[in-house]
Amino acid sequence: MIKNQRLLKSIAEERVRRLFRLSKSRVLSSGGPDRLSARYLDIAESIIKHYKIAPGHEMKNEVCKACKTVLIPGATCSVRLSSTNGYVVLACRCGEEKHVNYRNTI
């Protein structure tokens, strides 16, 4: 049974990555977020919750928590650097900001 659980989790992780890539490509092709890309992210989120897997680095840092859209610079968000604090600010169209560190703090 343990082998099956590992197999199921690996399949679920692959499906989540694929859905995220599909959502990202859909946003890039349409020029902005649409209902289909949001649906892809909803399905990915439900898979993550059902199988209790980690969302992964790309999904954690590149999805807006407020409106659930993929953050793509120039298409769905704007980017600025906070050089004194050492992080990148991704500002979504909905007004939510995401801070991603790019400098190690000592």
N, C-alpha and C. Protein backbone atom coordinates (compact mmCIF):
# COMPACT_ATOMS: atom_id res chain seq x y z
N MET A 1 0.82 -1.20 0.00
CA MET A 1 0.00 0.00 0.00
C MET A 1 0.86 1.26 0.00
N ILE A 2 2.03 1.21 0.68
CA ILE A 2 2.90 2.38 0.74
C ILE A 2 3.43 2.73 -0.65
N LYS A 3 3.77 1.72 -1.42
CA LYS A 3 4.26 1.99 -2.77
C LYS A 3 3.19 2.66 -3.61
N ASN A 4 1.94 2.26 -3.44
CA ASN A 4 0.86 2.86 -4.19
C ASN A 4 0.67 4.32 -3.78
N GLN A 5 0.81 4.62 -2.51
CA GLN A 5 0.67 6.00 -2.04
C GLN A 5 1.75 6.89 -2.64
N ARG A 6 2.97 6.39 -2.68
CA ARG A 6 4.06 7.17 -3.28
C ARG A 6 3.80 7.39 -4.76
N LEU A 7 3.32 6.37 -5.43
CA LEU A 7 3.01 6.48 -6.85
C LEU A 7 1.89 7.49 -7.08
N LEU A 8 0.85 7.42 -6.26
CA LEU A 8 -0.26 8.36 -6.39
C LEU A 8 0.20 9.80 -6.16
N LYS A 9 1.06 10.00 -5.15
CA LYS A 9 1.55 11.36 -4.88
C LYS A 9 2.43 11.87 -6.01
N SER A 10 3.25 11.00 -6.59
CA SER A 10 4.11 11.45 -7.70
C SER A 10 3.26 11.79 -8.92
N ILE A 11 2.22 11.02 -9.18
CA ILE A 11 1.32 11.33 -10.30
C ILE A 11 0.59 12.64 -10.03
N ALA A 12 0.15 12.83 -8.79
CA ALA A 12 -0.54 14.07 -8.43
C ALA A 12 0.38 15.28 -8.59
N GLU A 13 1.65 15.17 -8.18
CA GLU A 13 2.60 16.27 -8.34
C GLU A 13 2.81 16.60 -9.81
N GLU A 14 2.90 15.58 -10.64
CA GLU A 14 3.07 15.80 -12.08
C GLU A 14 1.84 16.49 -12.67
N ARG A 15 0.67 16.09 -12.25
CA ARG A 15 -0.57 16.73 -12.74
C ARG A 15 -0.64 18.19 -12.33
N VAL A 16 -0.22 18.48 -11.10
CA VAL A 16 -0.23 19.87 -10.62
C VAL A 16 0.73 20.71 -11.45
N ARG A 17 1.94 20.18 -11.70
CA ARG A 17 2.91 20.92 -12.53
C ARG A 17 2.36 21.15 -13.94
N ARG A 18 1.71 20.14 -14.49
CA ARG A 18 1.17 20.27 -15.85
C ARG A 18 0.03 21.29 -15.89
N LEU A 19 -0.85 21.25 -14.91
CA LEU A 19 -1.94 22.22 -14.86
C LEU A 19 -1.41 23.64 -14.70
N PHE A 20 -0.36 23.80 -13.90
CA PHE A 20 0.23 25.13 -13.74
C PHE A 20 0.83 25.62 -15.05
N ARG A 21 1.54 24.73 -15.76
CA ARG A 21 2.10 25.11 -17.06
C ARG A 21 1.00 25.46 -18.06
N LEU A 22 -0.09 24.69 -18.06
CA LEU A 22 -1.21 24.98 -18.96
C LEU A 22 -1.84 26.34 -18.63
N SER A 23 -1.99 26.63 -17.35
CA SER A 23 -2.56 27.91 -16.94
C SER A 23 -1.66 29.06 -17.37
N LYS A 24 -0.36 28.87 -17.18
CA LYS A 24 0.61 29.91 -17.55
C LYS A 24 0.60 30.15 -19.05
N SER A 25 0.58 29.09 -19.84
CA SER A 25 0.57 29.24 -21.29
C SER A 25 -0.74 29.85 -21.77
N ARG A 26 -1.84 29.54 -21.09
CA ARG A 26 -3.13 30.12 -21.45
C ARG A 26 -3.14 31.63 -21.20
N VAL A 27 -2.56 32.06 -20.08
CA VAL A 27 -2.48 33.50 -19.78
C VAL A 27 -1.60 34.20 -20.81
N LEU A 28 -0.48 33.58 -21.18
CA LEU A 28 0.42 34.19 -22.17
C LEU A 28 -0.23 34.28 -23.54
N SER A 29 -0.98 33.27 -23.94
CA SER A 29 -1.59 33.28 -25.27
C SER A 29 -2.78 34.23 -25.36
N SER A 30 -3.53 34.37 -24.27
CA SER A 30 -4.70 35.24 -24.31
C SER A 30 -4.38 36.67 -23.91
N GLY A 31 -3.20 36.92 -23.37
CA GLY A 31 -2.81 38.27 -22.99
C GLY A 31 -3.27 38.69 -21.61
N GLY A 32 -3.90 37.81 -20.91
CA GLY A 32 -4.36 38.12 -19.55
C GLY A 32 -5.08 36.93 -18.97
N PRO A 33 -5.46 37.01 -17.70
CA PRO A 33 -6.14 35.87 -17.08
C PRO A 33 -7.55 35.69 -17.63
N ASP A 34 -7.95 34.44 -17.80
CA ASP A 34 -9.30 34.15 -18.23
C ASP A 34 -9.86 33.02 -17.37
N ARG A 35 -11.08 32.61 -17.66
CA ARG A 35 -11.75 31.62 -16.83
C ARG A 35 -11.09 30.25 -16.90
N LEU A 36 -10.56 29.89 -18.07
CA LEU A 36 -9.95 28.58 -18.22
C LEU A 36 -8.66 28.47 -17.42
N SER A 37 -7.84 29.51 -17.45
CA SER A 37 -6.59 29.48 -16.67
C SER A 37 -6.90 29.44 -15.17
N ALA A 38 -7.95 30.15 -14.75
CA ALA A 38 -8.35 30.10 -13.34
C ALA A 38 -8.86 28.71 -12.97
N ARG A 39 -9.56 28.07 -13.89
CA ARG A 39 -10.07 26.71 -13.63
C ARG A 39 -8.92 25.72 -13.49
N TYR A 40 -7.88 25.86 -14.33
CA TYR A 40 -6.70 25.00 -14.21
C TYR A 40 -6.08 25.12 -12.82
N LEU A 41 -5.98 26.35 -12.32
CA LEU A 41 -5.40 26.55 -10.99
C LEU A 41 -6.32 26.02 -9.89
N ASP A 42 -7.64 26.11 -10.07
CA ASP A 42 -8.57 25.54 -9.09
C ASP A 42 -8.42 24.03 -9.01
N ILE A 43 -8.30 23.38 -10.16
CA ILE A 43 -8.13 21.93 -10.18
C ILE A 43 -6.81 21.55 -9.51
N ALA A 44 -5.74 22.29 -9.81
CA ALA A 44 -4.44 22.02 -9.20
C ALA A 44 -4.52 22.18 -7.69
N GLU A 45 -5.20 23.20 -7.22
CA GLU A 45 -5.34 23.43 -5.78
C GLU A 45 -6.13 22.30 -5.11
N SER A 46 -7.16 21.82 -5.78
CA SER A 46 -7.93 20.72 -5.19
C SER A 46 -7.11 19.43 -5.15
N ILE A 47 -6.27 19.19 -6.14
CA ILE A 47 -5.38 18.02 -6.13
C ILE A 47 -4.38 18.13 -4.98
N ILE A 48 -3.84 19.33 -4.78
CA ILE A 48 -2.88 19.55 -3.69
C ILE A 48 -3.54 19.27 -2.34
N LYS A 49 -4.76 19.74 -2.16
CA LYS A 49 -5.45 19.52 -0.89
C LYS A 49 -5.83 18.06 -0.70
N HIS A 50 -6.27 17.40 -1.76
CA HIS A 50 -6.73 16.02 -1.63
C HIS A 50 -5.58 15.08 -1.31
N TYR A 51 -4.45 15.22 -2.01
CA TYR A 51 -3.32 14.33 -1.80
C TYR A 51 -2.33 14.82 -0.75
N LYS A 52 -2.59 16.00 -0.18
CA LYS A 52 -1.75 16.58 0.87
C LYS A 52 -0.29 16.66 0.44
N ILE A 53 -0.07 17.29 -0.71
CA ILE A 53 1.28 17.46 -1.22
C ILE A 53 1.66 18.93 -1.13
N ALA A 54 2.94 19.21 -1.18
CA ALA A 54 3.42 20.59 -1.15
C ALA A 54 3.15 21.24 -2.52
N PRO A 55 2.75 22.51 -2.53
CA PRO A 55 2.43 23.14 -3.80
C PRO A 55 3.61 23.34 -4.73
N GLY A 56 4.81 23.32 -4.23
CA GLY A 56 5.97 23.51 -5.09
C GLY A 56 6.38 24.97 -5.14
N HIS A 57 7.64 25.18 -5.46
CA HIS A 57 8.21 26.52 -5.45
C HIS A 57 7.55 27.43 -6.47
N GLU A 58 7.37 26.93 -7.69
CA GLU A 58 6.84 27.81 -8.74
C GLU A 58 5.39 28.19 -8.47
N MET A 59 4.59 27.27 -8.00
CA MET A 59 3.20 27.60 -7.74
C MET A 59 3.06 28.49 -6.51
N LYS A 60 3.92 28.32 -5.55
CA LYS A 60 3.85 29.12 -4.34
C LYS A 60 4.24 30.58 -4.62
N ASN A 61 5.26 30.78 -5.47
CA ASN A 61 5.75 32.13 -5.72
C ASN A 61 5.11 32.82 -6.91
N GLU A 62 4.43 32.09 -7.77
CA GLU A 62 3.93 32.70 -9.00
C GLU A 62 2.41 32.71 -9.12
N VAL A 63 1.70 32.55 -8.01
CA VAL A 63 0.25 32.62 -8.02
C VAL A 63 -0.19 33.64 -6.97
N CYS A 64 -1.09 34.54 -7.37
CA CYS A 64 -1.62 35.54 -6.45
C CYS A 64 -2.57 34.85 -5.48
N LYS A 65 -2.38 35.10 -4.19
CA LYS A 65 -3.23 34.46 -3.19
C LYS A 65 -4.63 35.07 -3.15
N ALA A 66 -4.76 36.33 -3.53
CA ALA A 66 -6.06 37.00 -3.44
C ALA A 66 -6.99 36.61 -4.59
N CYS A 67 -6.49 36.71 -5.83
CA CYS A 67 -7.37 36.48 -6.97
C CYS A 67 -7.07 35.19 -7.73
N LYS A 68 -6.07 34.43 -7.29
CA LYS A 68 -5.72 33.13 -7.87
C LYS A 68 -5.39 33.20 -9.37
N THR A 69 -4.58 34.19 -9.75
CA THR A 69 -4.10 34.27 -11.13
C THR A 69 -2.59 34.03 -11.14
N VAL A 70 -2.10 33.60 -12.29
CA VAL A 70 -0.67 33.37 -12.45
C VAL A 70 0.00 34.73 -12.61
N LEU A 71 1.08 34.96 -11.86
CA LEU A 71 1.79 36.23 -11.93
C LEU A 71 2.85 36.16 -13.02
N ILE A 72 2.59 36.84 -14.12
CA ILE A 72 3.52 36.91 -15.23
C ILE A 72 3.86 38.39 -15.43
N PRO A 73 5.15 38.75 -15.28
CA PRO A 73 5.52 40.16 -15.40
C PRO A 73 5.12 40.73 -16.76
N GLY A 74 4.46 41.87 -16.72
CA GLY A 74 4.02 42.54 -17.93
C GLY A 74 2.64 42.13 -18.38
N ALA A 75 2.21 40.93 -18.07
CA ALA A 75 0.89 40.46 -18.49
C ALA A 75 -0.13 40.58 -17.36
N THR A 76 0.21 40.07 -16.19
CA THR A 76 -0.73 40.10 -15.07
C THR A 76 -0.20 40.82 -13.85
N CYS A 77 1.07 41.22 -13.85
CA CYS A 77 1.62 41.92 -12.70
C CYS A 77 2.74 42.85 -13.13
N SER A 78 3.07 43.76 -12.24
CA SER A 78 4.23 44.62 -12.45
C SER A 78 5.30 44.22 -11.44
N VAL A 79 6.55 44.51 -11.80
CA VAL A 79 7.68 44.09 -10.98
C VAL A 79 8.52 45.29 -10.61
N ARG A 80 8.94 45.33 -9.37
CA ARG A 80 9.91 46.33 -8.95
C ARG A 80 10.83 45.71 -7.91
N LEU A 81 12.02 46.28 -7.77
CA LEU A 81 13.01 45.78 -6.83
C LEU A 81 13.07 46.69 -5.62
N SER A 82 13.18 46.09 -4.48
CA SER A 82 13.45 46.82 -3.25
C SER A 82 14.87 46.47 -2.86
N SER A 83 15.82 47.25 -3.37
CA SER A 83 17.23 46.90 -3.20
C SER A 83 17.69 47.02 -1.75
N THR A 84 17.10 47.93 -0.99
CA THR A 84 17.53 48.07 0.39
C THR A 84 17.06 46.90 1.25
N ASN A 85 15.91 46.34 0.92
CA ASN A 85 15.37 45.23 1.69
C ASN A 85 15.71 43.87 1.08
N GLY A 86 16.13 43.84 -0.16
CA GLY A 86 16.57 42.60 -0.80
C GLY A 86 15.45 41.69 -1.26
N TYR A 87 14.37 42.27 -1.78
CA TYR A 87 13.31 41.43 -2.31
C TYR A 87 12.70 42.06 -3.55
N VAL A 88 12.02 41.22 -4.33
CA VAL A 88 11.31 41.64 -5.52
C VAL A 88 9.85 41.77 -5.15
N VAL A 89 9.21 42.84 -5.61
CA VAL A 89 7.79 43.05 -5.34
C VAL A 89 7.02 42.77 -6.62
N LEU A 90 6.14 41.77 -6.58
CA LEU A 90 5.25 41.48 -7.70
C LEU A 90 3.88 42.02 -7.34
N ALA A 91 3.44 43.07 -8.04
CA ALA A 91 2.16 43.70 -7.75
C ALA A 91 1.13 43.22 -8.76
N CYS A 92 0.15 42.48 -8.29
CA CYS A 92 -0.90 41.93 -9.14
C CYS A 92 -1.88 43.04 -9.53
N ARG A 93 -2.66 42.78 -10.56
CA ARG A 93 -3.66 43.75 -11.00
C ARG A 93 -4.75 43.97 -9.96
N CYS A 94 -4.98 43.00 -9.09
CA CYS A 94 -6.02 43.14 -8.07
C CYS A 94 -5.58 44.03 -6.91
N GLY A 95 -4.27 44.35 -6.85
CA GLY A 95 -3.75 45.21 -5.80
C GLY A 95 -2.91 44.47 -4.77
N GLU A 96 -2.94 43.17 -4.80
CA GLU A 96 -2.15 42.35 -3.87
C GLU A 96 -0.68 42.39 -4.27
N GLU A 97 0.21 42.42 -3.29
CA GLU A 97 1.64 42.42 -3.54
C GLU A 97 2.26 41.15 -2.99
N LYS A 98 3.21 40.60 -3.74
CA LYS A 98 3.94 39.40 -3.33
C LYS A 98 5.40 39.78 -3.24
N HIS A 99 6.04 39.46 -2.13
CA HIS A 99 7.45 39.77 -1.90
C HIS A 99 8.26 38.48 -1.98
N VAL A 100 9.26 38.47 -2.86
CA VAL A 100 10.12 37.30 -3.04
C VAL A 100 11.55 37.73 -2.77
N ASN A 101 12.19 37.10 -1.80
CA ASN A 101 13.58 37.45 -1.45
C ASN A 101 14.53 37.06 -2.56
N TYR A 102 15.50 37.91 -2.81
CA TYR A 102 16.56 37.55 -3.75
C TYR A 102 17.93 37.69 -3.11
N ARG A 103 17.99 38.13 -1.88
CA ARG A 103 19.25 38.29 -1.17
C ARG A 103 19.19 37.52 0.14
N ASN A 104 20.28 36.82 0.46
CA ASN A 104 20.34 36.10 1.73
C ASN A 104 20.57 37.10 2.86
N THR A 105 19.82 36.94 3.91
CA THR A 105 20.02 37.81 5.07
C THR A 105 20.97 37.12 6.04
N ILE A 106 21.80 37.90 6.66
CA ILE A 106 22.79 37.33 7.58
C ILE A 106 22.36 37.56 9.00
